[in-house]
N, C-alpha and C. Protein backbone atom coordinates (compact mmCIF):
# COMPACT_ATOMS: atom_id res chain seq x y z
N UNK A 1 20.84 2.27 12.75
CA UNK A 1 20.33 2.99 13.91
C UNK A 1 20.45 4.50 13.71
N UNK A 2 21.59 4.94 13.18
CA UNK A 2 21.79 6.37 12.95
C UNK A 2 20.78 6.90 11.93
N UNK A 3 20.52 6.14 10.88
CA UNK A 3 19.54 6.55 9.88
C UNK A 3 18.15 6.68 10.49
N UNK A 4 17.80 5.74 11.32
CA UNK A 4 16.48 5.77 11.96
C UNK A 4 16.35 7.01 12.86
N UNK A 5 17.39 7.32 13.60
CA UNK A 5 17.39 8.50 14.47
C UNK A 5 17.29 9.78 13.65
N UNK A 6 18.03 9.83 12.54
CA UNK A 6 17.97 11.01 11.67
C UNK A 6 16.58 11.17 11.06
N UNK A 7 15.99 10.07 10.65
CA UNK A 7 14.66 10.12 10.06
C UNK A 7 13.62 10.61 11.07
N UNK A 8 13.70 10.11 12.28
CA UNK A 8 12.78 10.56 13.33
C UNK A 8 12.98 12.04 13.61
N UNK A 9 14.22 12.49 13.66
CA UNK A 9 14.52 13.91 13.88
C UNK A 9 13.97 14.78 12.76
N UNK A 10 14.09 14.32 11.54
CA UNK A 10 13.57 15.06 10.40
C UNK A 10 12.05 15.16 10.45
N UNK A 11 11.40 14.08 10.78
CA UNK A 11 9.93 14.07 10.88
C UNK A 11 9.46 15.03 11.97
N UNK A 12 10.13 15.02 13.10
CA UNK A 12 9.77 15.92 14.20
C UNK A 12 9.99 17.37 13.78
N UNK A 13 11.12 17.65 13.12
CA UNK A 13 11.42 19.01 12.69
C UNK A 13 10.40 19.51 11.68
N UNK A 14 10.06 18.69 10.73
CA UNK A 14 9.08 19.11 9.72
C UNK A 14 7.69 19.27 10.31
N UNK A 15 7.38 18.47 11.28
CA UNK A 15 6.08 18.58 11.93
C UNK A 15 5.93 19.86 12.72
N UNK A 16 7.03 20.46 13.11
CA UNK A 16 6.99 21.68 13.91
C UNK A 16 6.98 22.94 13.05
N UNK A 17 7.04 22.83 11.74
CA UNK A 17 7.05 23.99 10.86
C UNK A 17 5.70 24.71 10.90
N UNK A 18 5.77 26.02 10.99
CA UNK A 18 4.56 26.83 11.04
C UNK A 18 4.03 27.08 9.64
N UNK A 19 2.76 26.81 9.44
CA UNK A 19 2.11 27.10 8.17
C UNK A 19 1.57 28.53 8.19
N UNK A 20 1.21 29.02 7.02
CA UNK A 20 0.65 30.37 6.94
C UNK A 20 -0.64 30.48 7.76
N UNK A 21 -1.49 29.48 7.66
CA UNK A 21 -2.75 29.52 8.41
C UNK A 21 -2.50 29.51 9.91
N UNK A 22 -1.49 28.77 10.36
CA UNK A 22 -1.17 28.75 11.80
C UNK A 22 -0.68 30.11 12.27
N UNK A 23 0.14 30.77 11.46
CA UNK A 23 0.65 32.09 11.84
C UNK A 23 -0.51 33.09 11.90
N UNK A 24 -1.47 32.97 11.00
CA UNK A 24 -2.61 33.90 10.97
C UNK A 24 -3.58 33.68 12.14
N UNK A 25 -3.45 32.62 12.90
CA UNK A 25 -4.34 32.43 14.05
C UNK A 25 -3.98 33.36 15.19
N UNK A 26 -2.78 33.93 15.17
CA UNK A 26 -2.37 34.87 16.21
C UNK A 26 -2.86 36.27 15.85
N UNK A 27 -3.01 37.13 16.84
CA UNK A 27 -3.42 38.51 16.53
C UNK A 27 -2.35 39.19 15.66
N UNK A 28 -2.76 40.07 14.76
CA UNK A 28 -1.77 40.76 13.93
C UNK A 28 -0.86 41.63 14.78
N UNK A 29 0.40 41.72 14.37
CA UNK A 29 1.37 42.57 15.07
C UNK A 29 1.36 43.98 14.48
N UNK A 30 0.68 44.13 13.33
CA UNK A 30 0.57 45.44 12.68
C UNK A 30 -0.62 45.41 11.74
N UNK A 31 -1.38 46.49 11.73
CA UNK A 31 -2.44 46.68 10.75
C UNK A 31 -2.37 48.11 10.24
N UNK A 32 -2.82 48.32 9.03
CA UNK A 32 -2.82 49.66 8.46
C UNK A 32 -3.60 49.69 7.17
N UNK A 33 -3.66 50.86 6.58
CA UNK A 33 -4.33 51.07 5.29
C UNK A 33 -3.35 51.77 4.36
N UNK A 34 -3.37 51.36 3.10
CA UNK A 34 -2.55 52.03 2.10
C UNK A 34 -3.39 52.38 0.89
N UNK A 35 -3.06 53.54 0.31
CA UNK A 35 -3.71 53.94 -0.93
C UNK A 35 -2.86 53.58 -2.14
N UNK A 36 -1.68 53.05 -1.89
CA UNK A 36 -0.79 52.66 -2.98
C UNK A 36 -1.34 51.44 -3.72
N UNK A 37 -1.04 51.33 -5.01
CA UNK A 37 -1.39 50.09 -5.71
C UNK A 37 -0.72 48.89 -5.02
N UNK A 38 -1.40 47.77 -5.07
CA UNK A 38 -0.92 46.57 -4.38
C UNK A 38 0.53 46.24 -4.73
N UNK A 39 0.86 46.25 -6.01
CA UNK A 39 2.21 45.87 -6.43
C UNK A 39 3.26 46.87 -5.93
N UNK A 40 2.91 48.15 -5.89
CA UNK A 40 3.84 49.17 -5.41
C UNK A 40 4.12 49.01 -3.92
N UNK A 41 3.05 48.81 -3.13
CA UNK A 41 3.23 48.62 -1.69
C UNK A 41 4.03 47.34 -1.41
N UNK A 42 3.67 46.26 -2.07
CA UNK A 42 4.38 44.99 -1.86
C UNK A 42 5.85 45.12 -2.24
N UNK A 43 6.13 45.81 -3.33
CA UNK A 43 7.51 46.01 -3.76
C UNK A 43 8.31 46.82 -2.76
N UNK A 44 7.69 47.85 -2.20
CA UNK A 44 8.36 48.67 -1.18
C UNK A 44 8.69 47.83 0.05
N UNK A 45 7.71 47.06 0.52
CA UNK A 45 7.93 46.23 1.72
C UNK A 45 8.98 45.16 1.44
N UNK A 46 8.88 44.50 0.29
CA UNK A 46 9.84 43.45 -0.04
C UNK A 46 11.26 44.00 -0.08
N UNK A 47 11.46 45.15 -0.72
CA UNK A 47 12.79 45.75 -0.78
C UNK A 47 13.27 46.15 0.62
N UNK A 48 12.37 46.71 1.41
CA UNK A 48 12.74 47.10 2.77
C UNK A 48 13.12 45.92 3.64
N UNK A 49 12.39 44.81 3.50
CA UNK A 49 12.73 43.61 4.26
C UNK A 49 14.08 43.06 3.83
N UNK A 50 14.36 43.11 2.52
CA UNK A 50 15.67 42.66 2.04
C UNK A 50 16.77 43.54 2.61
N UNK A 51 16.55 44.85 2.60
CA UNK A 51 17.53 45.79 3.15
C UNK A 51 17.74 45.56 4.65
N UNK A 52 16.71 45.04 5.33
CA UNK A 52 16.79 44.77 6.77
C UNK A 52 17.41 43.40 7.06
N UNK A 53 17.80 42.67 6.02
CA UNK A 53 18.50 41.41 6.23
C UNK A 53 17.74 40.15 5.90
N UNK A 54 16.50 40.27 5.46
CA UNK A 54 15.72 39.08 5.11
C UNK A 54 16.11 38.61 3.71
N UNK A 55 16.13 37.30 3.53
CA UNK A 55 16.49 36.80 2.21
C UNK A 55 15.54 35.73 1.67
N UNK A 56 14.59 35.30 2.46
CA UNK A 56 13.65 34.25 2.02
C UNK A 56 12.24 34.81 1.92
N UNK A 57 12.08 35.86 1.09
CA UNK A 57 10.80 36.54 0.95
C UNK A 57 10.12 36.05 -0.32
N UNK A 58 8.84 35.76 -0.20
CA UNK A 58 8.05 35.33 -1.34
C UNK A 58 6.82 36.21 -1.45
N UNK A 59 6.49 36.60 -2.66
CA UNK A 59 5.28 37.37 -2.94
C UNK A 59 4.28 36.44 -3.61
N UNK A 60 3.10 36.31 -3.00
CA UNK A 60 2.08 35.40 -3.50
C UNK A 60 0.84 36.21 -3.87
N UNK A 61 0.50 36.29 -5.17
CA UNK A 61 -0.72 36.99 -5.55
C UNK A 61 -1.95 36.26 -4.99
N UNK A 62 -2.93 37.03 -4.55
CA UNK A 62 -4.19 36.47 -4.06
C UNK A 62 -5.34 37.07 -4.87
N UNK A 63 -6.52 36.61 -4.61
CA UNK A 63 -7.70 37.08 -5.35
C UNK A 63 -7.88 38.60 -5.26
N UNK A 64 -7.63 39.15 -4.08
CA UNK A 64 -7.86 40.57 -3.88
C UNK A 64 -6.64 41.33 -3.38
N UNK A 65 -5.44 40.81 -3.66
CA UNK A 65 -4.24 41.51 -3.23
C UNK A 65 -2.99 40.67 -3.36
N UNK A 66 -2.20 40.69 -2.30
CA UNK A 66 -0.94 39.95 -2.29
C UNK A 66 -0.58 39.59 -0.85
N UNK A 67 0.14 38.49 -0.70
CA UNK A 67 0.69 38.09 0.59
C UNK A 67 2.20 38.00 0.45
N UNK A 68 2.91 38.66 1.34
CA UNK A 68 4.36 38.51 1.42
C UNK A 68 4.67 37.56 2.57
N UNK A 69 5.55 36.61 2.32
CA UNK A 69 5.94 35.68 3.37
C UNK A 69 7.44 35.76 3.59
N UNK A 70 7.83 35.61 4.82
CA UNK A 70 9.24 35.53 5.19
C UNK A 70 9.42 34.21 5.91
N UNK A 71 10.17 33.30 5.28
CA UNK A 71 10.36 31.97 5.84
C UNK A 71 11.62 31.90 6.68
N UNK A 72 11.49 31.16 7.76
CA UNK A 72 12.63 30.85 8.62
C UNK A 72 12.87 29.36 8.59
N UNK A 73 13.70 28.87 9.47
CA UNK A 73 14.01 27.44 9.48
C UNK A 73 12.86 26.60 10.02
N UNK A 74 11.90 27.25 10.68
CA UNK A 74 10.77 26.49 11.25
C UNK A 74 9.45 26.87 10.58
N UNK A 75 9.51 27.24 9.31
CA UNK A 75 8.29 27.61 8.60
C UNK A 75 8.20 29.11 8.42
N UNK A 76 6.98 29.61 8.32
CA UNK A 76 6.78 31.03 8.10
C UNK A 76 7.04 31.80 9.39
N UNK A 77 7.91 32.81 9.31
CA UNK A 77 8.16 33.68 10.45
C UNK A 77 7.26 34.91 10.42
N UNK A 78 7.06 35.47 9.23
CA UNK A 78 6.23 36.66 9.07
C UNK A 78 5.33 36.52 7.85
N UNK A 79 4.14 37.07 7.96
CA UNK A 79 3.21 37.15 6.82
C UNK A 79 2.67 38.57 6.78
N UNK A 80 2.59 39.13 5.59
CA UNK A 80 1.96 40.41 5.42
C UNK A 80 0.90 40.26 4.34
N UNK A 81 -0.35 40.48 4.71
CA UNK A 81 -1.46 40.42 3.77
C UNK A 81 -1.86 41.84 3.39
N UNK A 82 -1.97 42.09 2.09
CA UNK A 82 -2.50 43.36 1.60
C UNK A 82 -3.74 43.01 0.79
N UNK A 83 -4.89 43.24 1.37
CA UNK A 83 -6.18 42.93 0.74
C UNK A 83 -6.90 44.23 0.41
N UNK A 84 -6.82 44.62 -0.84
CA UNK A 84 -7.48 45.85 -1.30
C UNK A 84 -7.11 47.06 -0.45
N UNK A 85 -5.85 47.15 -0.07
CA UNK A 85 -5.36 48.29 0.72
C UNK A 85 -5.38 48.10 2.22
N UNK A 86 -6.06 47.07 2.71
CA UNK A 86 -6.06 46.76 4.15
C UNK A 86 -4.86 45.84 4.42
N UNK A 87 -3.95 46.31 5.25
CA UNK A 87 -2.70 45.60 5.52
C UNK A 87 -2.76 44.96 6.91
N UNK A 88 -2.41 43.68 6.98
CA UNK A 88 -2.30 42.96 8.25
C UNK A 88 -1.01 42.17 8.23
N UNK A 89 -0.26 42.25 9.32
CA UNK A 89 1.01 41.55 9.42
C UNK A 89 0.98 40.64 10.64
N UNK A 90 1.42 39.41 10.45
CA UNK A 90 1.41 38.39 11.50
C UNK A 90 2.82 37.86 11.71
N UNK A 91 3.14 37.52 12.96
CA UNK A 91 4.45 36.98 13.29
C UNK A 91 4.30 35.66 14.05
N UNK A 92 5.18 34.73 13.75
CA UNK A 92 5.16 33.44 14.44
C UNK A 92 5.71 33.59 15.86
N UNK A 93 6.77 34.37 16.01
CA UNK A 93 7.42 34.53 17.31
C UNK A 93 7.00 35.86 17.96
N UNK A 94 7.04 35.92 19.28
CA UNK A 94 6.63 37.16 19.97
C UNK A 94 7.72 38.23 20.00
N UNK A 95 8.80 38.07 19.28
CA UNK A 95 9.91 39.03 19.31
C UNK A 95 10.67 38.97 17.98
N UNK A 96 11.49 39.98 17.74
CA UNK A 96 12.40 39.96 16.60
C UNK A 96 11.83 40.45 15.28
N UNK A 97 10.66 41.06 15.30
CA UNK A 97 10.06 41.48 14.04
C UNK A 97 9.88 42.99 13.93
N UNK A 98 10.32 43.75 14.92
CA UNK A 98 10.07 45.20 14.96
C UNK A 98 10.61 45.91 13.72
N UNK A 99 11.79 45.55 13.25
CA UNK A 99 12.34 46.25 12.08
C UNK A 99 11.51 45.98 10.83
N UNK A 100 10.85 44.82 10.76
CA UNK A 100 10.02 44.51 9.61
C UNK A 100 8.68 45.25 9.68
N UNK A 101 8.16 45.42 10.90
CA UNK A 101 6.95 46.22 11.08
C UNK A 101 7.24 47.67 10.71
N UNK A 102 8.41 48.18 11.10
CA UNK A 102 8.78 49.55 10.76
C UNK A 102 8.78 49.77 9.24
N UNK A 103 9.30 48.78 8.51
CA UNK A 103 9.31 48.87 7.05
C UNK A 103 7.88 48.92 6.51
N UNK A 104 7.03 48.02 6.98
CA UNK A 104 5.64 47.97 6.52
C UNK A 104 4.93 49.30 6.80
N UNK A 105 5.21 49.88 7.95
CA UNK A 105 4.60 51.16 8.33
C UNK A 105 5.11 52.30 7.44
N UNK A 106 6.43 52.33 7.20
CA UNK A 106 7.01 53.39 6.36
C UNK A 106 6.50 53.35 4.92
N UNK A 107 6.21 52.15 4.43
CA UNK A 107 5.77 52.01 3.04
C UNK A 107 4.30 52.41 2.83
N UNK A 108 3.54 52.54 3.91
CA UNK A 108 2.13 52.90 3.77
C UNK A 108 2.00 54.19 2.97
């Protein structure tokens, strides 16, 4: 019985994880433009997010730029897309991301 309950709990928890596409359905919490090379801007943001306390950051190369992801226990908490210098940042939750937006803005 305990195993069955744990399995059901795990399935429910995994089903509630936010995917990158789901996070991108919300309006961006920050947009901007950068003239920096993609790798330089992404490196600045990644280091700044680490300095702000984030530890689950992933950099994913894309066809025309890079996506930085910050994972939480319920899937992706933050996404930052840099597409040929156009920066868009999305958040899963409506709060708790201001210090990460500040980093993205400072790195522009």
